[in-house]
Amino acid sequence: MKSEAEDKIIDTLLYEFRELSDALNDINSLGETALFEFIENYNWDDGFELPQAIVHHPSCDLALALEMFWLSESFNWLEFDEPEDSERKWYEFSRKLLEKILDGDYKLGGNRFIGVDKYFSKVDLHIWKKRGLPSVLFESIGQ
């Protein structure tokens, strides 16, 4: 469960301008539930600095990592070998996140991930399974 203080931090991060160092300190103070809420509402056009901090955050659980994977549309980069310069940060973020997921760096925590019907259809799921996409990327987690 997140605290009232974490709610205020999330609102500040999402809706007010913050110096990057202050925003990163705020991210570091959040727990897994608050991080999940933040990333669900994050505007990915604002850059990768804060999501990158979450990728390495000790409270980032598997459900949160998967949520970031699908929200950031990282699946688009699975078939690319080398991106254009303008897309390099997105590519590097996606590859690092995928690597950490597949290496088992994220453990089960208190967050839930249910991708079917939220990020992809059952038809997409069938296609990805046939293509050999690792099942950890689309399995539901949590109650």
C-alpha atoms as a PDB file:
ATOM      1  CA  MET A   1       0.000   0.000   0.000  1.00  0.00           C
ATOM      2  CA  LYS A   2       1.178   3.500  -0.696  1.00  0.00           C
ATOM      3  CA  SER A   3       1.165   6.350   1.754  1.00  0.00           C
ATOM      4  CA  GLU A   4      -0.319   9.815   1.537  1.00  0.00           C
ATOM      5  CA  ALA A   5       3.222  11.184   1.223  1.00  0.00           C
ATOM      6  CA  GLU A   6       3.823   8.897  -1.776  1.00  0.00           C
ATOM      7  CA  ASP A   7       0.577  10.165  -3.370  1.00  0.00           C
ATOM      8  CA  LYS A   8       1.911  13.716  -3.094  1.00  0.00           C
ATOM      9  CA  ILE A   9       5.256  12.699  -4.595  1.00  0.00           C
ATOM     10  CA  ILE A  10       3.521  10.970  -7.518  1.00  0.00           C
ATOM     11  CA  ASP A  11       1.394  14.065  -8.189  1.00  0.00           C
ATOM     12  CA  THR A  12       4.459  16.291  -8.046  1.00  0.00           C
ATOM     13  CA  LEU A  13       6.411  14.036 -10.407  1.00  0.00           C
ATOM     14  CA  LEU A  14       3.554  13.813 -12.896  1.00  0.00           C
ATOM     15  CA  TYR A  15       2.232  17.370 -12.892  1.00  0.00           C
ATOM     16  CA  GLU A  16       4.969  19.763 -11.771  1.00  0.00           C
ATOM     17  CA  PHE A  17       8.330  20.658 -13.230  1.00  0.00           C
ATOM     18  CA  ARG A  18      11.170  19.196 -11.158  1.00  0.00           C
ATOM     19  CA  GLU A  19      14.907  19.308 -11.526  1.00  0.00           C
ATOM     20  CA  LEU A  20      16.043  15.862 -12.655  1.00  0.00           C
ATOM     21  CA  SER A  21      18.119  15.264  -9.524  1.00  0.00           C
ATOM     22  CA  ASP A  22      15.104  16.085  -7.309  1.00  0.00           C
ATOM     23  CA  ALA A  23      12.815  13.878  -9.397  1.00  0.00           C
ATOM     24  CA  LEU A  24      15.284  10.983  -9.171  1.00  0.00           C
ATOM     25  CA  ASN A  25      15.470  11.408  -5.388  1.00  0.00           C
ATOM     26  CA  ASP A  26      11.668  11.312  -5.286  1.00  0.00           C
ATOM     27  CA  ILE A  27      11.606   8.124  -7.377  1.00  0.00           C
ATOM     28  CA  ASN A  28      14.122   6.525  -5.020  1.00  0.00           C
ATOM     29  CA  SER A  29      11.828   7.233  -2.057  1.00  0.00           C
ATOM     30  CA  LEU A  30       8.818   5.367  -3.520  1.00  0.00           C
ATOM     31  CA  GLY A  31       7.762   1.804  -2.790  1.00  0.00           C
ATOM     32  CA  GLU A  32       6.600  -0.786  -5.324  1.00  0.00           C
ATOM     33  CA  THR A  33       2.896   0.187  -5.299  1.00  0.00           C
ATOM     34  CA  ALA A  34       3.643   3.881  -5.717  1.00  0.00           C
ATOM     35  CA  LEU A  35       6.161   3.168  -8.484  1.00  0.00           C
ATOM     36  CA  PHE A  36       3.524   1.126 -10.307  1.00  0.00           C
ATOM     37  CA  GLU A  37       0.966   3.939 -10.066  1.00  0.00           C
ATOM     38  CA  PHE A  38       3.530   6.465 -11.242  1.00  0.00           C
ATOM     39  CA  ILE A  39       4.534   4.433 -14.300  1.00  0.00           C
ATOM     40  CA  GLU A  40       0.901   3.781 -15.242  1.00  0.00           C
ATOM     41  CA  ASN A  41       0.390   7.543 -15.499  1.00  0.00           C
ATOM     42  CA  TYR A  42       3.799   8.519 -16.865  1.00  0.00           C
ATOM     43  CA  ASN A  43       4.024  10.428 -20.136  1.00  0.00           C
ATOM     44  CA  TRP A  44       6.703   8.528 -22.057  1.00  0.00           C
ATOM     45  CA  ASP A  45       7.371  11.616 -24.180  1.00  0.00           C
ATOM     46  CA  ASP A  46       8.962  13.111 -21.052  1.00  0.00           C
ATOM     47  CA  GLY A  47      12.012  10.900 -21.519  1.00  0.00           C
ATOM     48  CA  PHE A  48      13.604   7.800 -20.090  1.00  0.00           C
ATOM     49  CA  GLU A  49      15.462   9.136 -17.070  1.00  0.00           C
ATOM     50  CA  LEU A  50      12.736   8.359 -14.517  1.00  0.00           C
ATOM     51  CA  PRO A  51      11.699   4.994 -16.017  1.00  0.00           C
ATOM     52  CA  GLN A  52      15.404   4.101 -16.208  1.00  0.00           C
ATOM     53  CA  ALA A  53      15.711   4.796 -12.490  1.00  0.00           C
ATOM     54  CA  ILE A  54      12.743   2.493 -11.873  1.00  0.00           C
ATOM     55  CA  VAL A  55      14.345  -0.287 -13.948  1.00  0.00           C
ATOM     56  CA  HIS A  56      17.203  -0.285 -11.416  1.00  0.00           C
ATOM     57  CA  HIS A  57      15.096   0.467  -8.330  1.00  0.00           C
ATOM     58  CA  PRO A  58      15.292  -2.214  -5.605  1.00  0.00           C
ATOM     59  CA  SER A  59      11.478  -2.137  -5.253  1.00  0.00           C
ATOM     60  CA  CYS A  60      10.850  -2.790  -8.945  1.00  0.00           C
ATOM     61  CA  ASP A  61       9.083  -6.139  -9.039  1.00  0.00           C
ATOM     62  CA  LEU A  62       8.318  -8.327 -12.054  1.00  0.00           C
ATOM     63  CA  ALA A  63       4.791  -6.965 -12.515  1.00  0.00           C
ATOM     64  CA  LEU A  64       6.130  -3.394 -12.614  1.00  0.00           C
ATOM     65  CA  ALA A  65       8.887  -4.358 -15.054  1.00  0.00           C
ATOM     66  CA  LEU A  66       6.322  -5.990 -17.359  1.00  0.00           C
ATOM     67  CA  GLU A  67       4.040  -2.971 -17.081  1.00  0.00           C
ATOM     68  CA  MET A  68       6.939  -0.772 -18.196  1.00  0.00           C
ATOM     69  CA  PHE A  69       7.806  -3.192 -20.996  1.00  0.00           C
ATOM     70  CA  TRP A  70       4.327  -2.960 -22.503  1.00  0.00           C
ATOM     71  CA  LEU A  71       3.642   0.727 -21.728  1.00  0.00           C
ATOM     72  CA  SER A  72       6.927   1.737 -23.357  1.00  0.00           C
ATOM     73  CA  GLU A  73       6.088  -0.467 -26.355  1.00  0.00           C
ATOM     74  CA  SER A  74       9.424  -2.223 -25.907  1.00  0.00           C
ATOM     75  CA  PHE A  75       8.098  -5.186 -27.868  1.00  0.00           C
ATOM     76  CA  ASN A  76       8.578  -3.062 -31.008  1.00  0.00           C
ATOM     77  CA  TRP A  77      12.338  -3.345 -30.533  1.00  0.00           C
ATOM     78  CA  LEU A  78      12.528  -7.130 -30.236  1.00  0.00           C
ATOM     79  CA  GLU A  79      13.210  -7.587 -33.946  1.00  0.00           C
ATOM     80  CA  PHE A  80      15.578  -4.659 -34.486  1.00  0.00           C
ATOM     81  CA  ASP A  81      19.325  -5.108 -34.468  1.00  0.00           C
ATOM     82  CA  GLU A  82      20.332  -1.478 -34.605  1.00  0.00           C
ATOM     83  CA  PRO A  83      18.122   1.617 -34.281  1.00  0.00           C
ATOM     84  CA  GLU A  84      18.498   4.995 -35.899  1.00  0.00           C
ATOM     85  CA  ASP A  85      20.296   7.577 -33.768  1.00  0.00           C
ATOM     86  CA  SER A  86      17.038   9.353 -32.886  1.00  0.00           C
ATOM     87  CA  GLU A  87      15.656   6.098 -31.441  1.00  0.00           C
ATOM     88  CA  ARG A  88      18.753   4.873 -29.627  1.00  0.00           C
ATOM     89  CA  LYS A  89      17.635   5.813 -26.088  1.00  0.00           C
ATOM     90  CA  TRP A  90      14.310   4.018 -26.565  1.00  0.00           C
ATOM     91  CA  TYR A  91      16.088   0.972 -27.975  1.00  0.00           C
ATOM     92  CA  GLU A  92      18.660   0.860 -25.171  1.00  0.00           C
ATOM     93  CA  PHE A  93      15.989   1.272 -22.497  1.00  0.00           C
ATOM     94  CA  SER A  94      13.908  -1.513 -24.041  1.00  0.00           C
ATOM     95  CA  ARG A  95      16.844  -3.894 -24.445  1.00  0.00           C
ATOM     96  CA  LYS A  96      18.064  -3.355 -20.874  1.00  0.00           C
ATOM     97  CA  LEU A  97      14.575  -3.844 -19.455  1.00  0.00           C
ATOM     98  CA  LEU A  98      14.069  -7.013 -21.510  1.00  0.00           C
ATOM     99  CA  GLU A  99      17.480  -8.346 -20.461  1.00  0.00           C
ATOM    100  CA  LYS A 100      16.707  -7.827 -16.776  1.00  0.00           C
ATOM    101  CA  ILE A 101      13.284  -9.477 -17.120  1.00  0.00           C
ATOM    102  CA  LEU A 102      14.685 -12.513 -18.935  1.00  0.00           C
ATOM    103  CA  ASP A 103      17.634 -12.809 -16.509  1.00  0.00           C
ATOM    104  CA  GLY A 104      15.169 -13.085 -13.612  1.00  0.00           C
ATOM    105  CA  ASP A 105      16.370  -9.879 -11.952  1.00  0.00           C
ATOM    106  CA  TYR A 106      12.819  -8.990 -10.901  1.00  0.00           C
ATOM    107  CA  LYS A 107      11.025 -10.969  -8.232  1.00  0.00           C
ATOM    108  CA  LEU A 108       7.332 -11.337  -7.528  1.00  0.00           C
ATOM    109  CA  GLY A 109       6.064  -8.516  -5.339  1.00  0.00           C
ATOM    110  CA  GLY A 110       2.788  -6.894  -4.440  1.00  0.00           C
ATOM    111  CA  ASN A 111       1.913  -5.516  -7.889  1.00  0.00           C
ATOM    112  CA  ARG A 112      -0.324  -7.162 -10.490  1.00  0.00           C
ATOM    113  CA  PHE A 113       0.193  -7.515 -14.228  1.00  0.00           C
ATOM    114  CA  ILE A 114      -2.588  -8.614 -16.543  1.00  0.00           C
ATOM    115  CA  GLY A 115      -1.577  -7.906 -20.122  1.00  0.00           C
ATOM    116  CA  VAL A 116      -4.282  -9.715 -22.085  1.00  0.00           C
ATOM    117  CA  ASP A 117      -6.944  -7.205 -23.174  1.00  0.00           C
ATOM    118  CA  LYS A 118      -4.998  -4.326 -21.617  1.00  0.00           C
ATOM    119  CA  TYR A 119      -1.930  -4.285 -23.869  1.00  0.00           C
ATOM    120  CA  PHE A 120      -2.572  -7.103 -26.298  1.00  0.00           C
ATOM    121  CA  SER A 121      -5.369  -9.316 -27.537  1.00  0.00           C
ATOM    122  CA  LYS A 122      -5.663 -13.073 -27.336  1.00  0.00           C
ATOM    123  CA  VAL A 123      -4.860 -13.162 -31.067  1.00  0.00           C
ATOM    124  CA  ASP A 124      -1.626 -11.211 -30.449  1.00  0.00           C
ATOM    125  CA  LEU A 125      -0.823 -13.615 -27.636  1.00  0.00           C
ATOM    126  CA  HIS A 126      -1.277 -16.614 -29.920  1.00  0.00           C
ATOM    127  CA  ILE A 127       0.955 -15.061 -32.606  1.00  0.00           C
ATOM    128  CA  TRP A 128       3.687 -14.214 -30.091  1.00  0.00           C
ATOM    129  CA  LYS A 129       3.618 -17.696 -28.610  1.00  0.00           C
ATOM    130  CA  LYS A 130       4.011 -19.176 -32.109  1.00  0.00           C
ATOM    131  CA  ARG A 131       6.942 -16.835 -32.776  1.00  0.00           C
ATOM    132  CA  GLY A 132       8.648 -17.939 -29.573  1.00  0.00           C
ATOM    133  CA  LEU A 133       8.271 -14.775 -27.513  1.00  0.00           C
ATOM    134  CA  PRO A 134       9.280 -15.675 -23.942  1.00  0.00           C
ATOM    135  CA  SER A 135       6.161 -16.469 -21.927  1.00  0.00           C
ATOM    136  CA  VAL A 136       7.331 -14.376 -18.968  1.00  0.00           C
ATOM    137  CA  LEU A 137       6.464 -11.274 -21.031  1.00  0.00           C
ATOM    138  CA  PHE A 138       2.756 -11.999 -21.170  1.00  0.00           C
ATOM    139  CA  GLU A 139       1.908 -14.165 -18.187  1.00  0.00           C
ATOM    140  CA  SER A 140      -0.423 -12.638 -15.625  1.00  0.00           C
ATOM    141  CA  ILE A 141       1.041 -11.917 -12.195  1.00  0.00           C
ATOM    142  CA  GLY A 142      -0.788 -11.339  -8.923  1.00  0.00           C
ATOM    143  CA  GLN A 143      -4.352 -11.754  -7.778  1.00  0.00           C
END
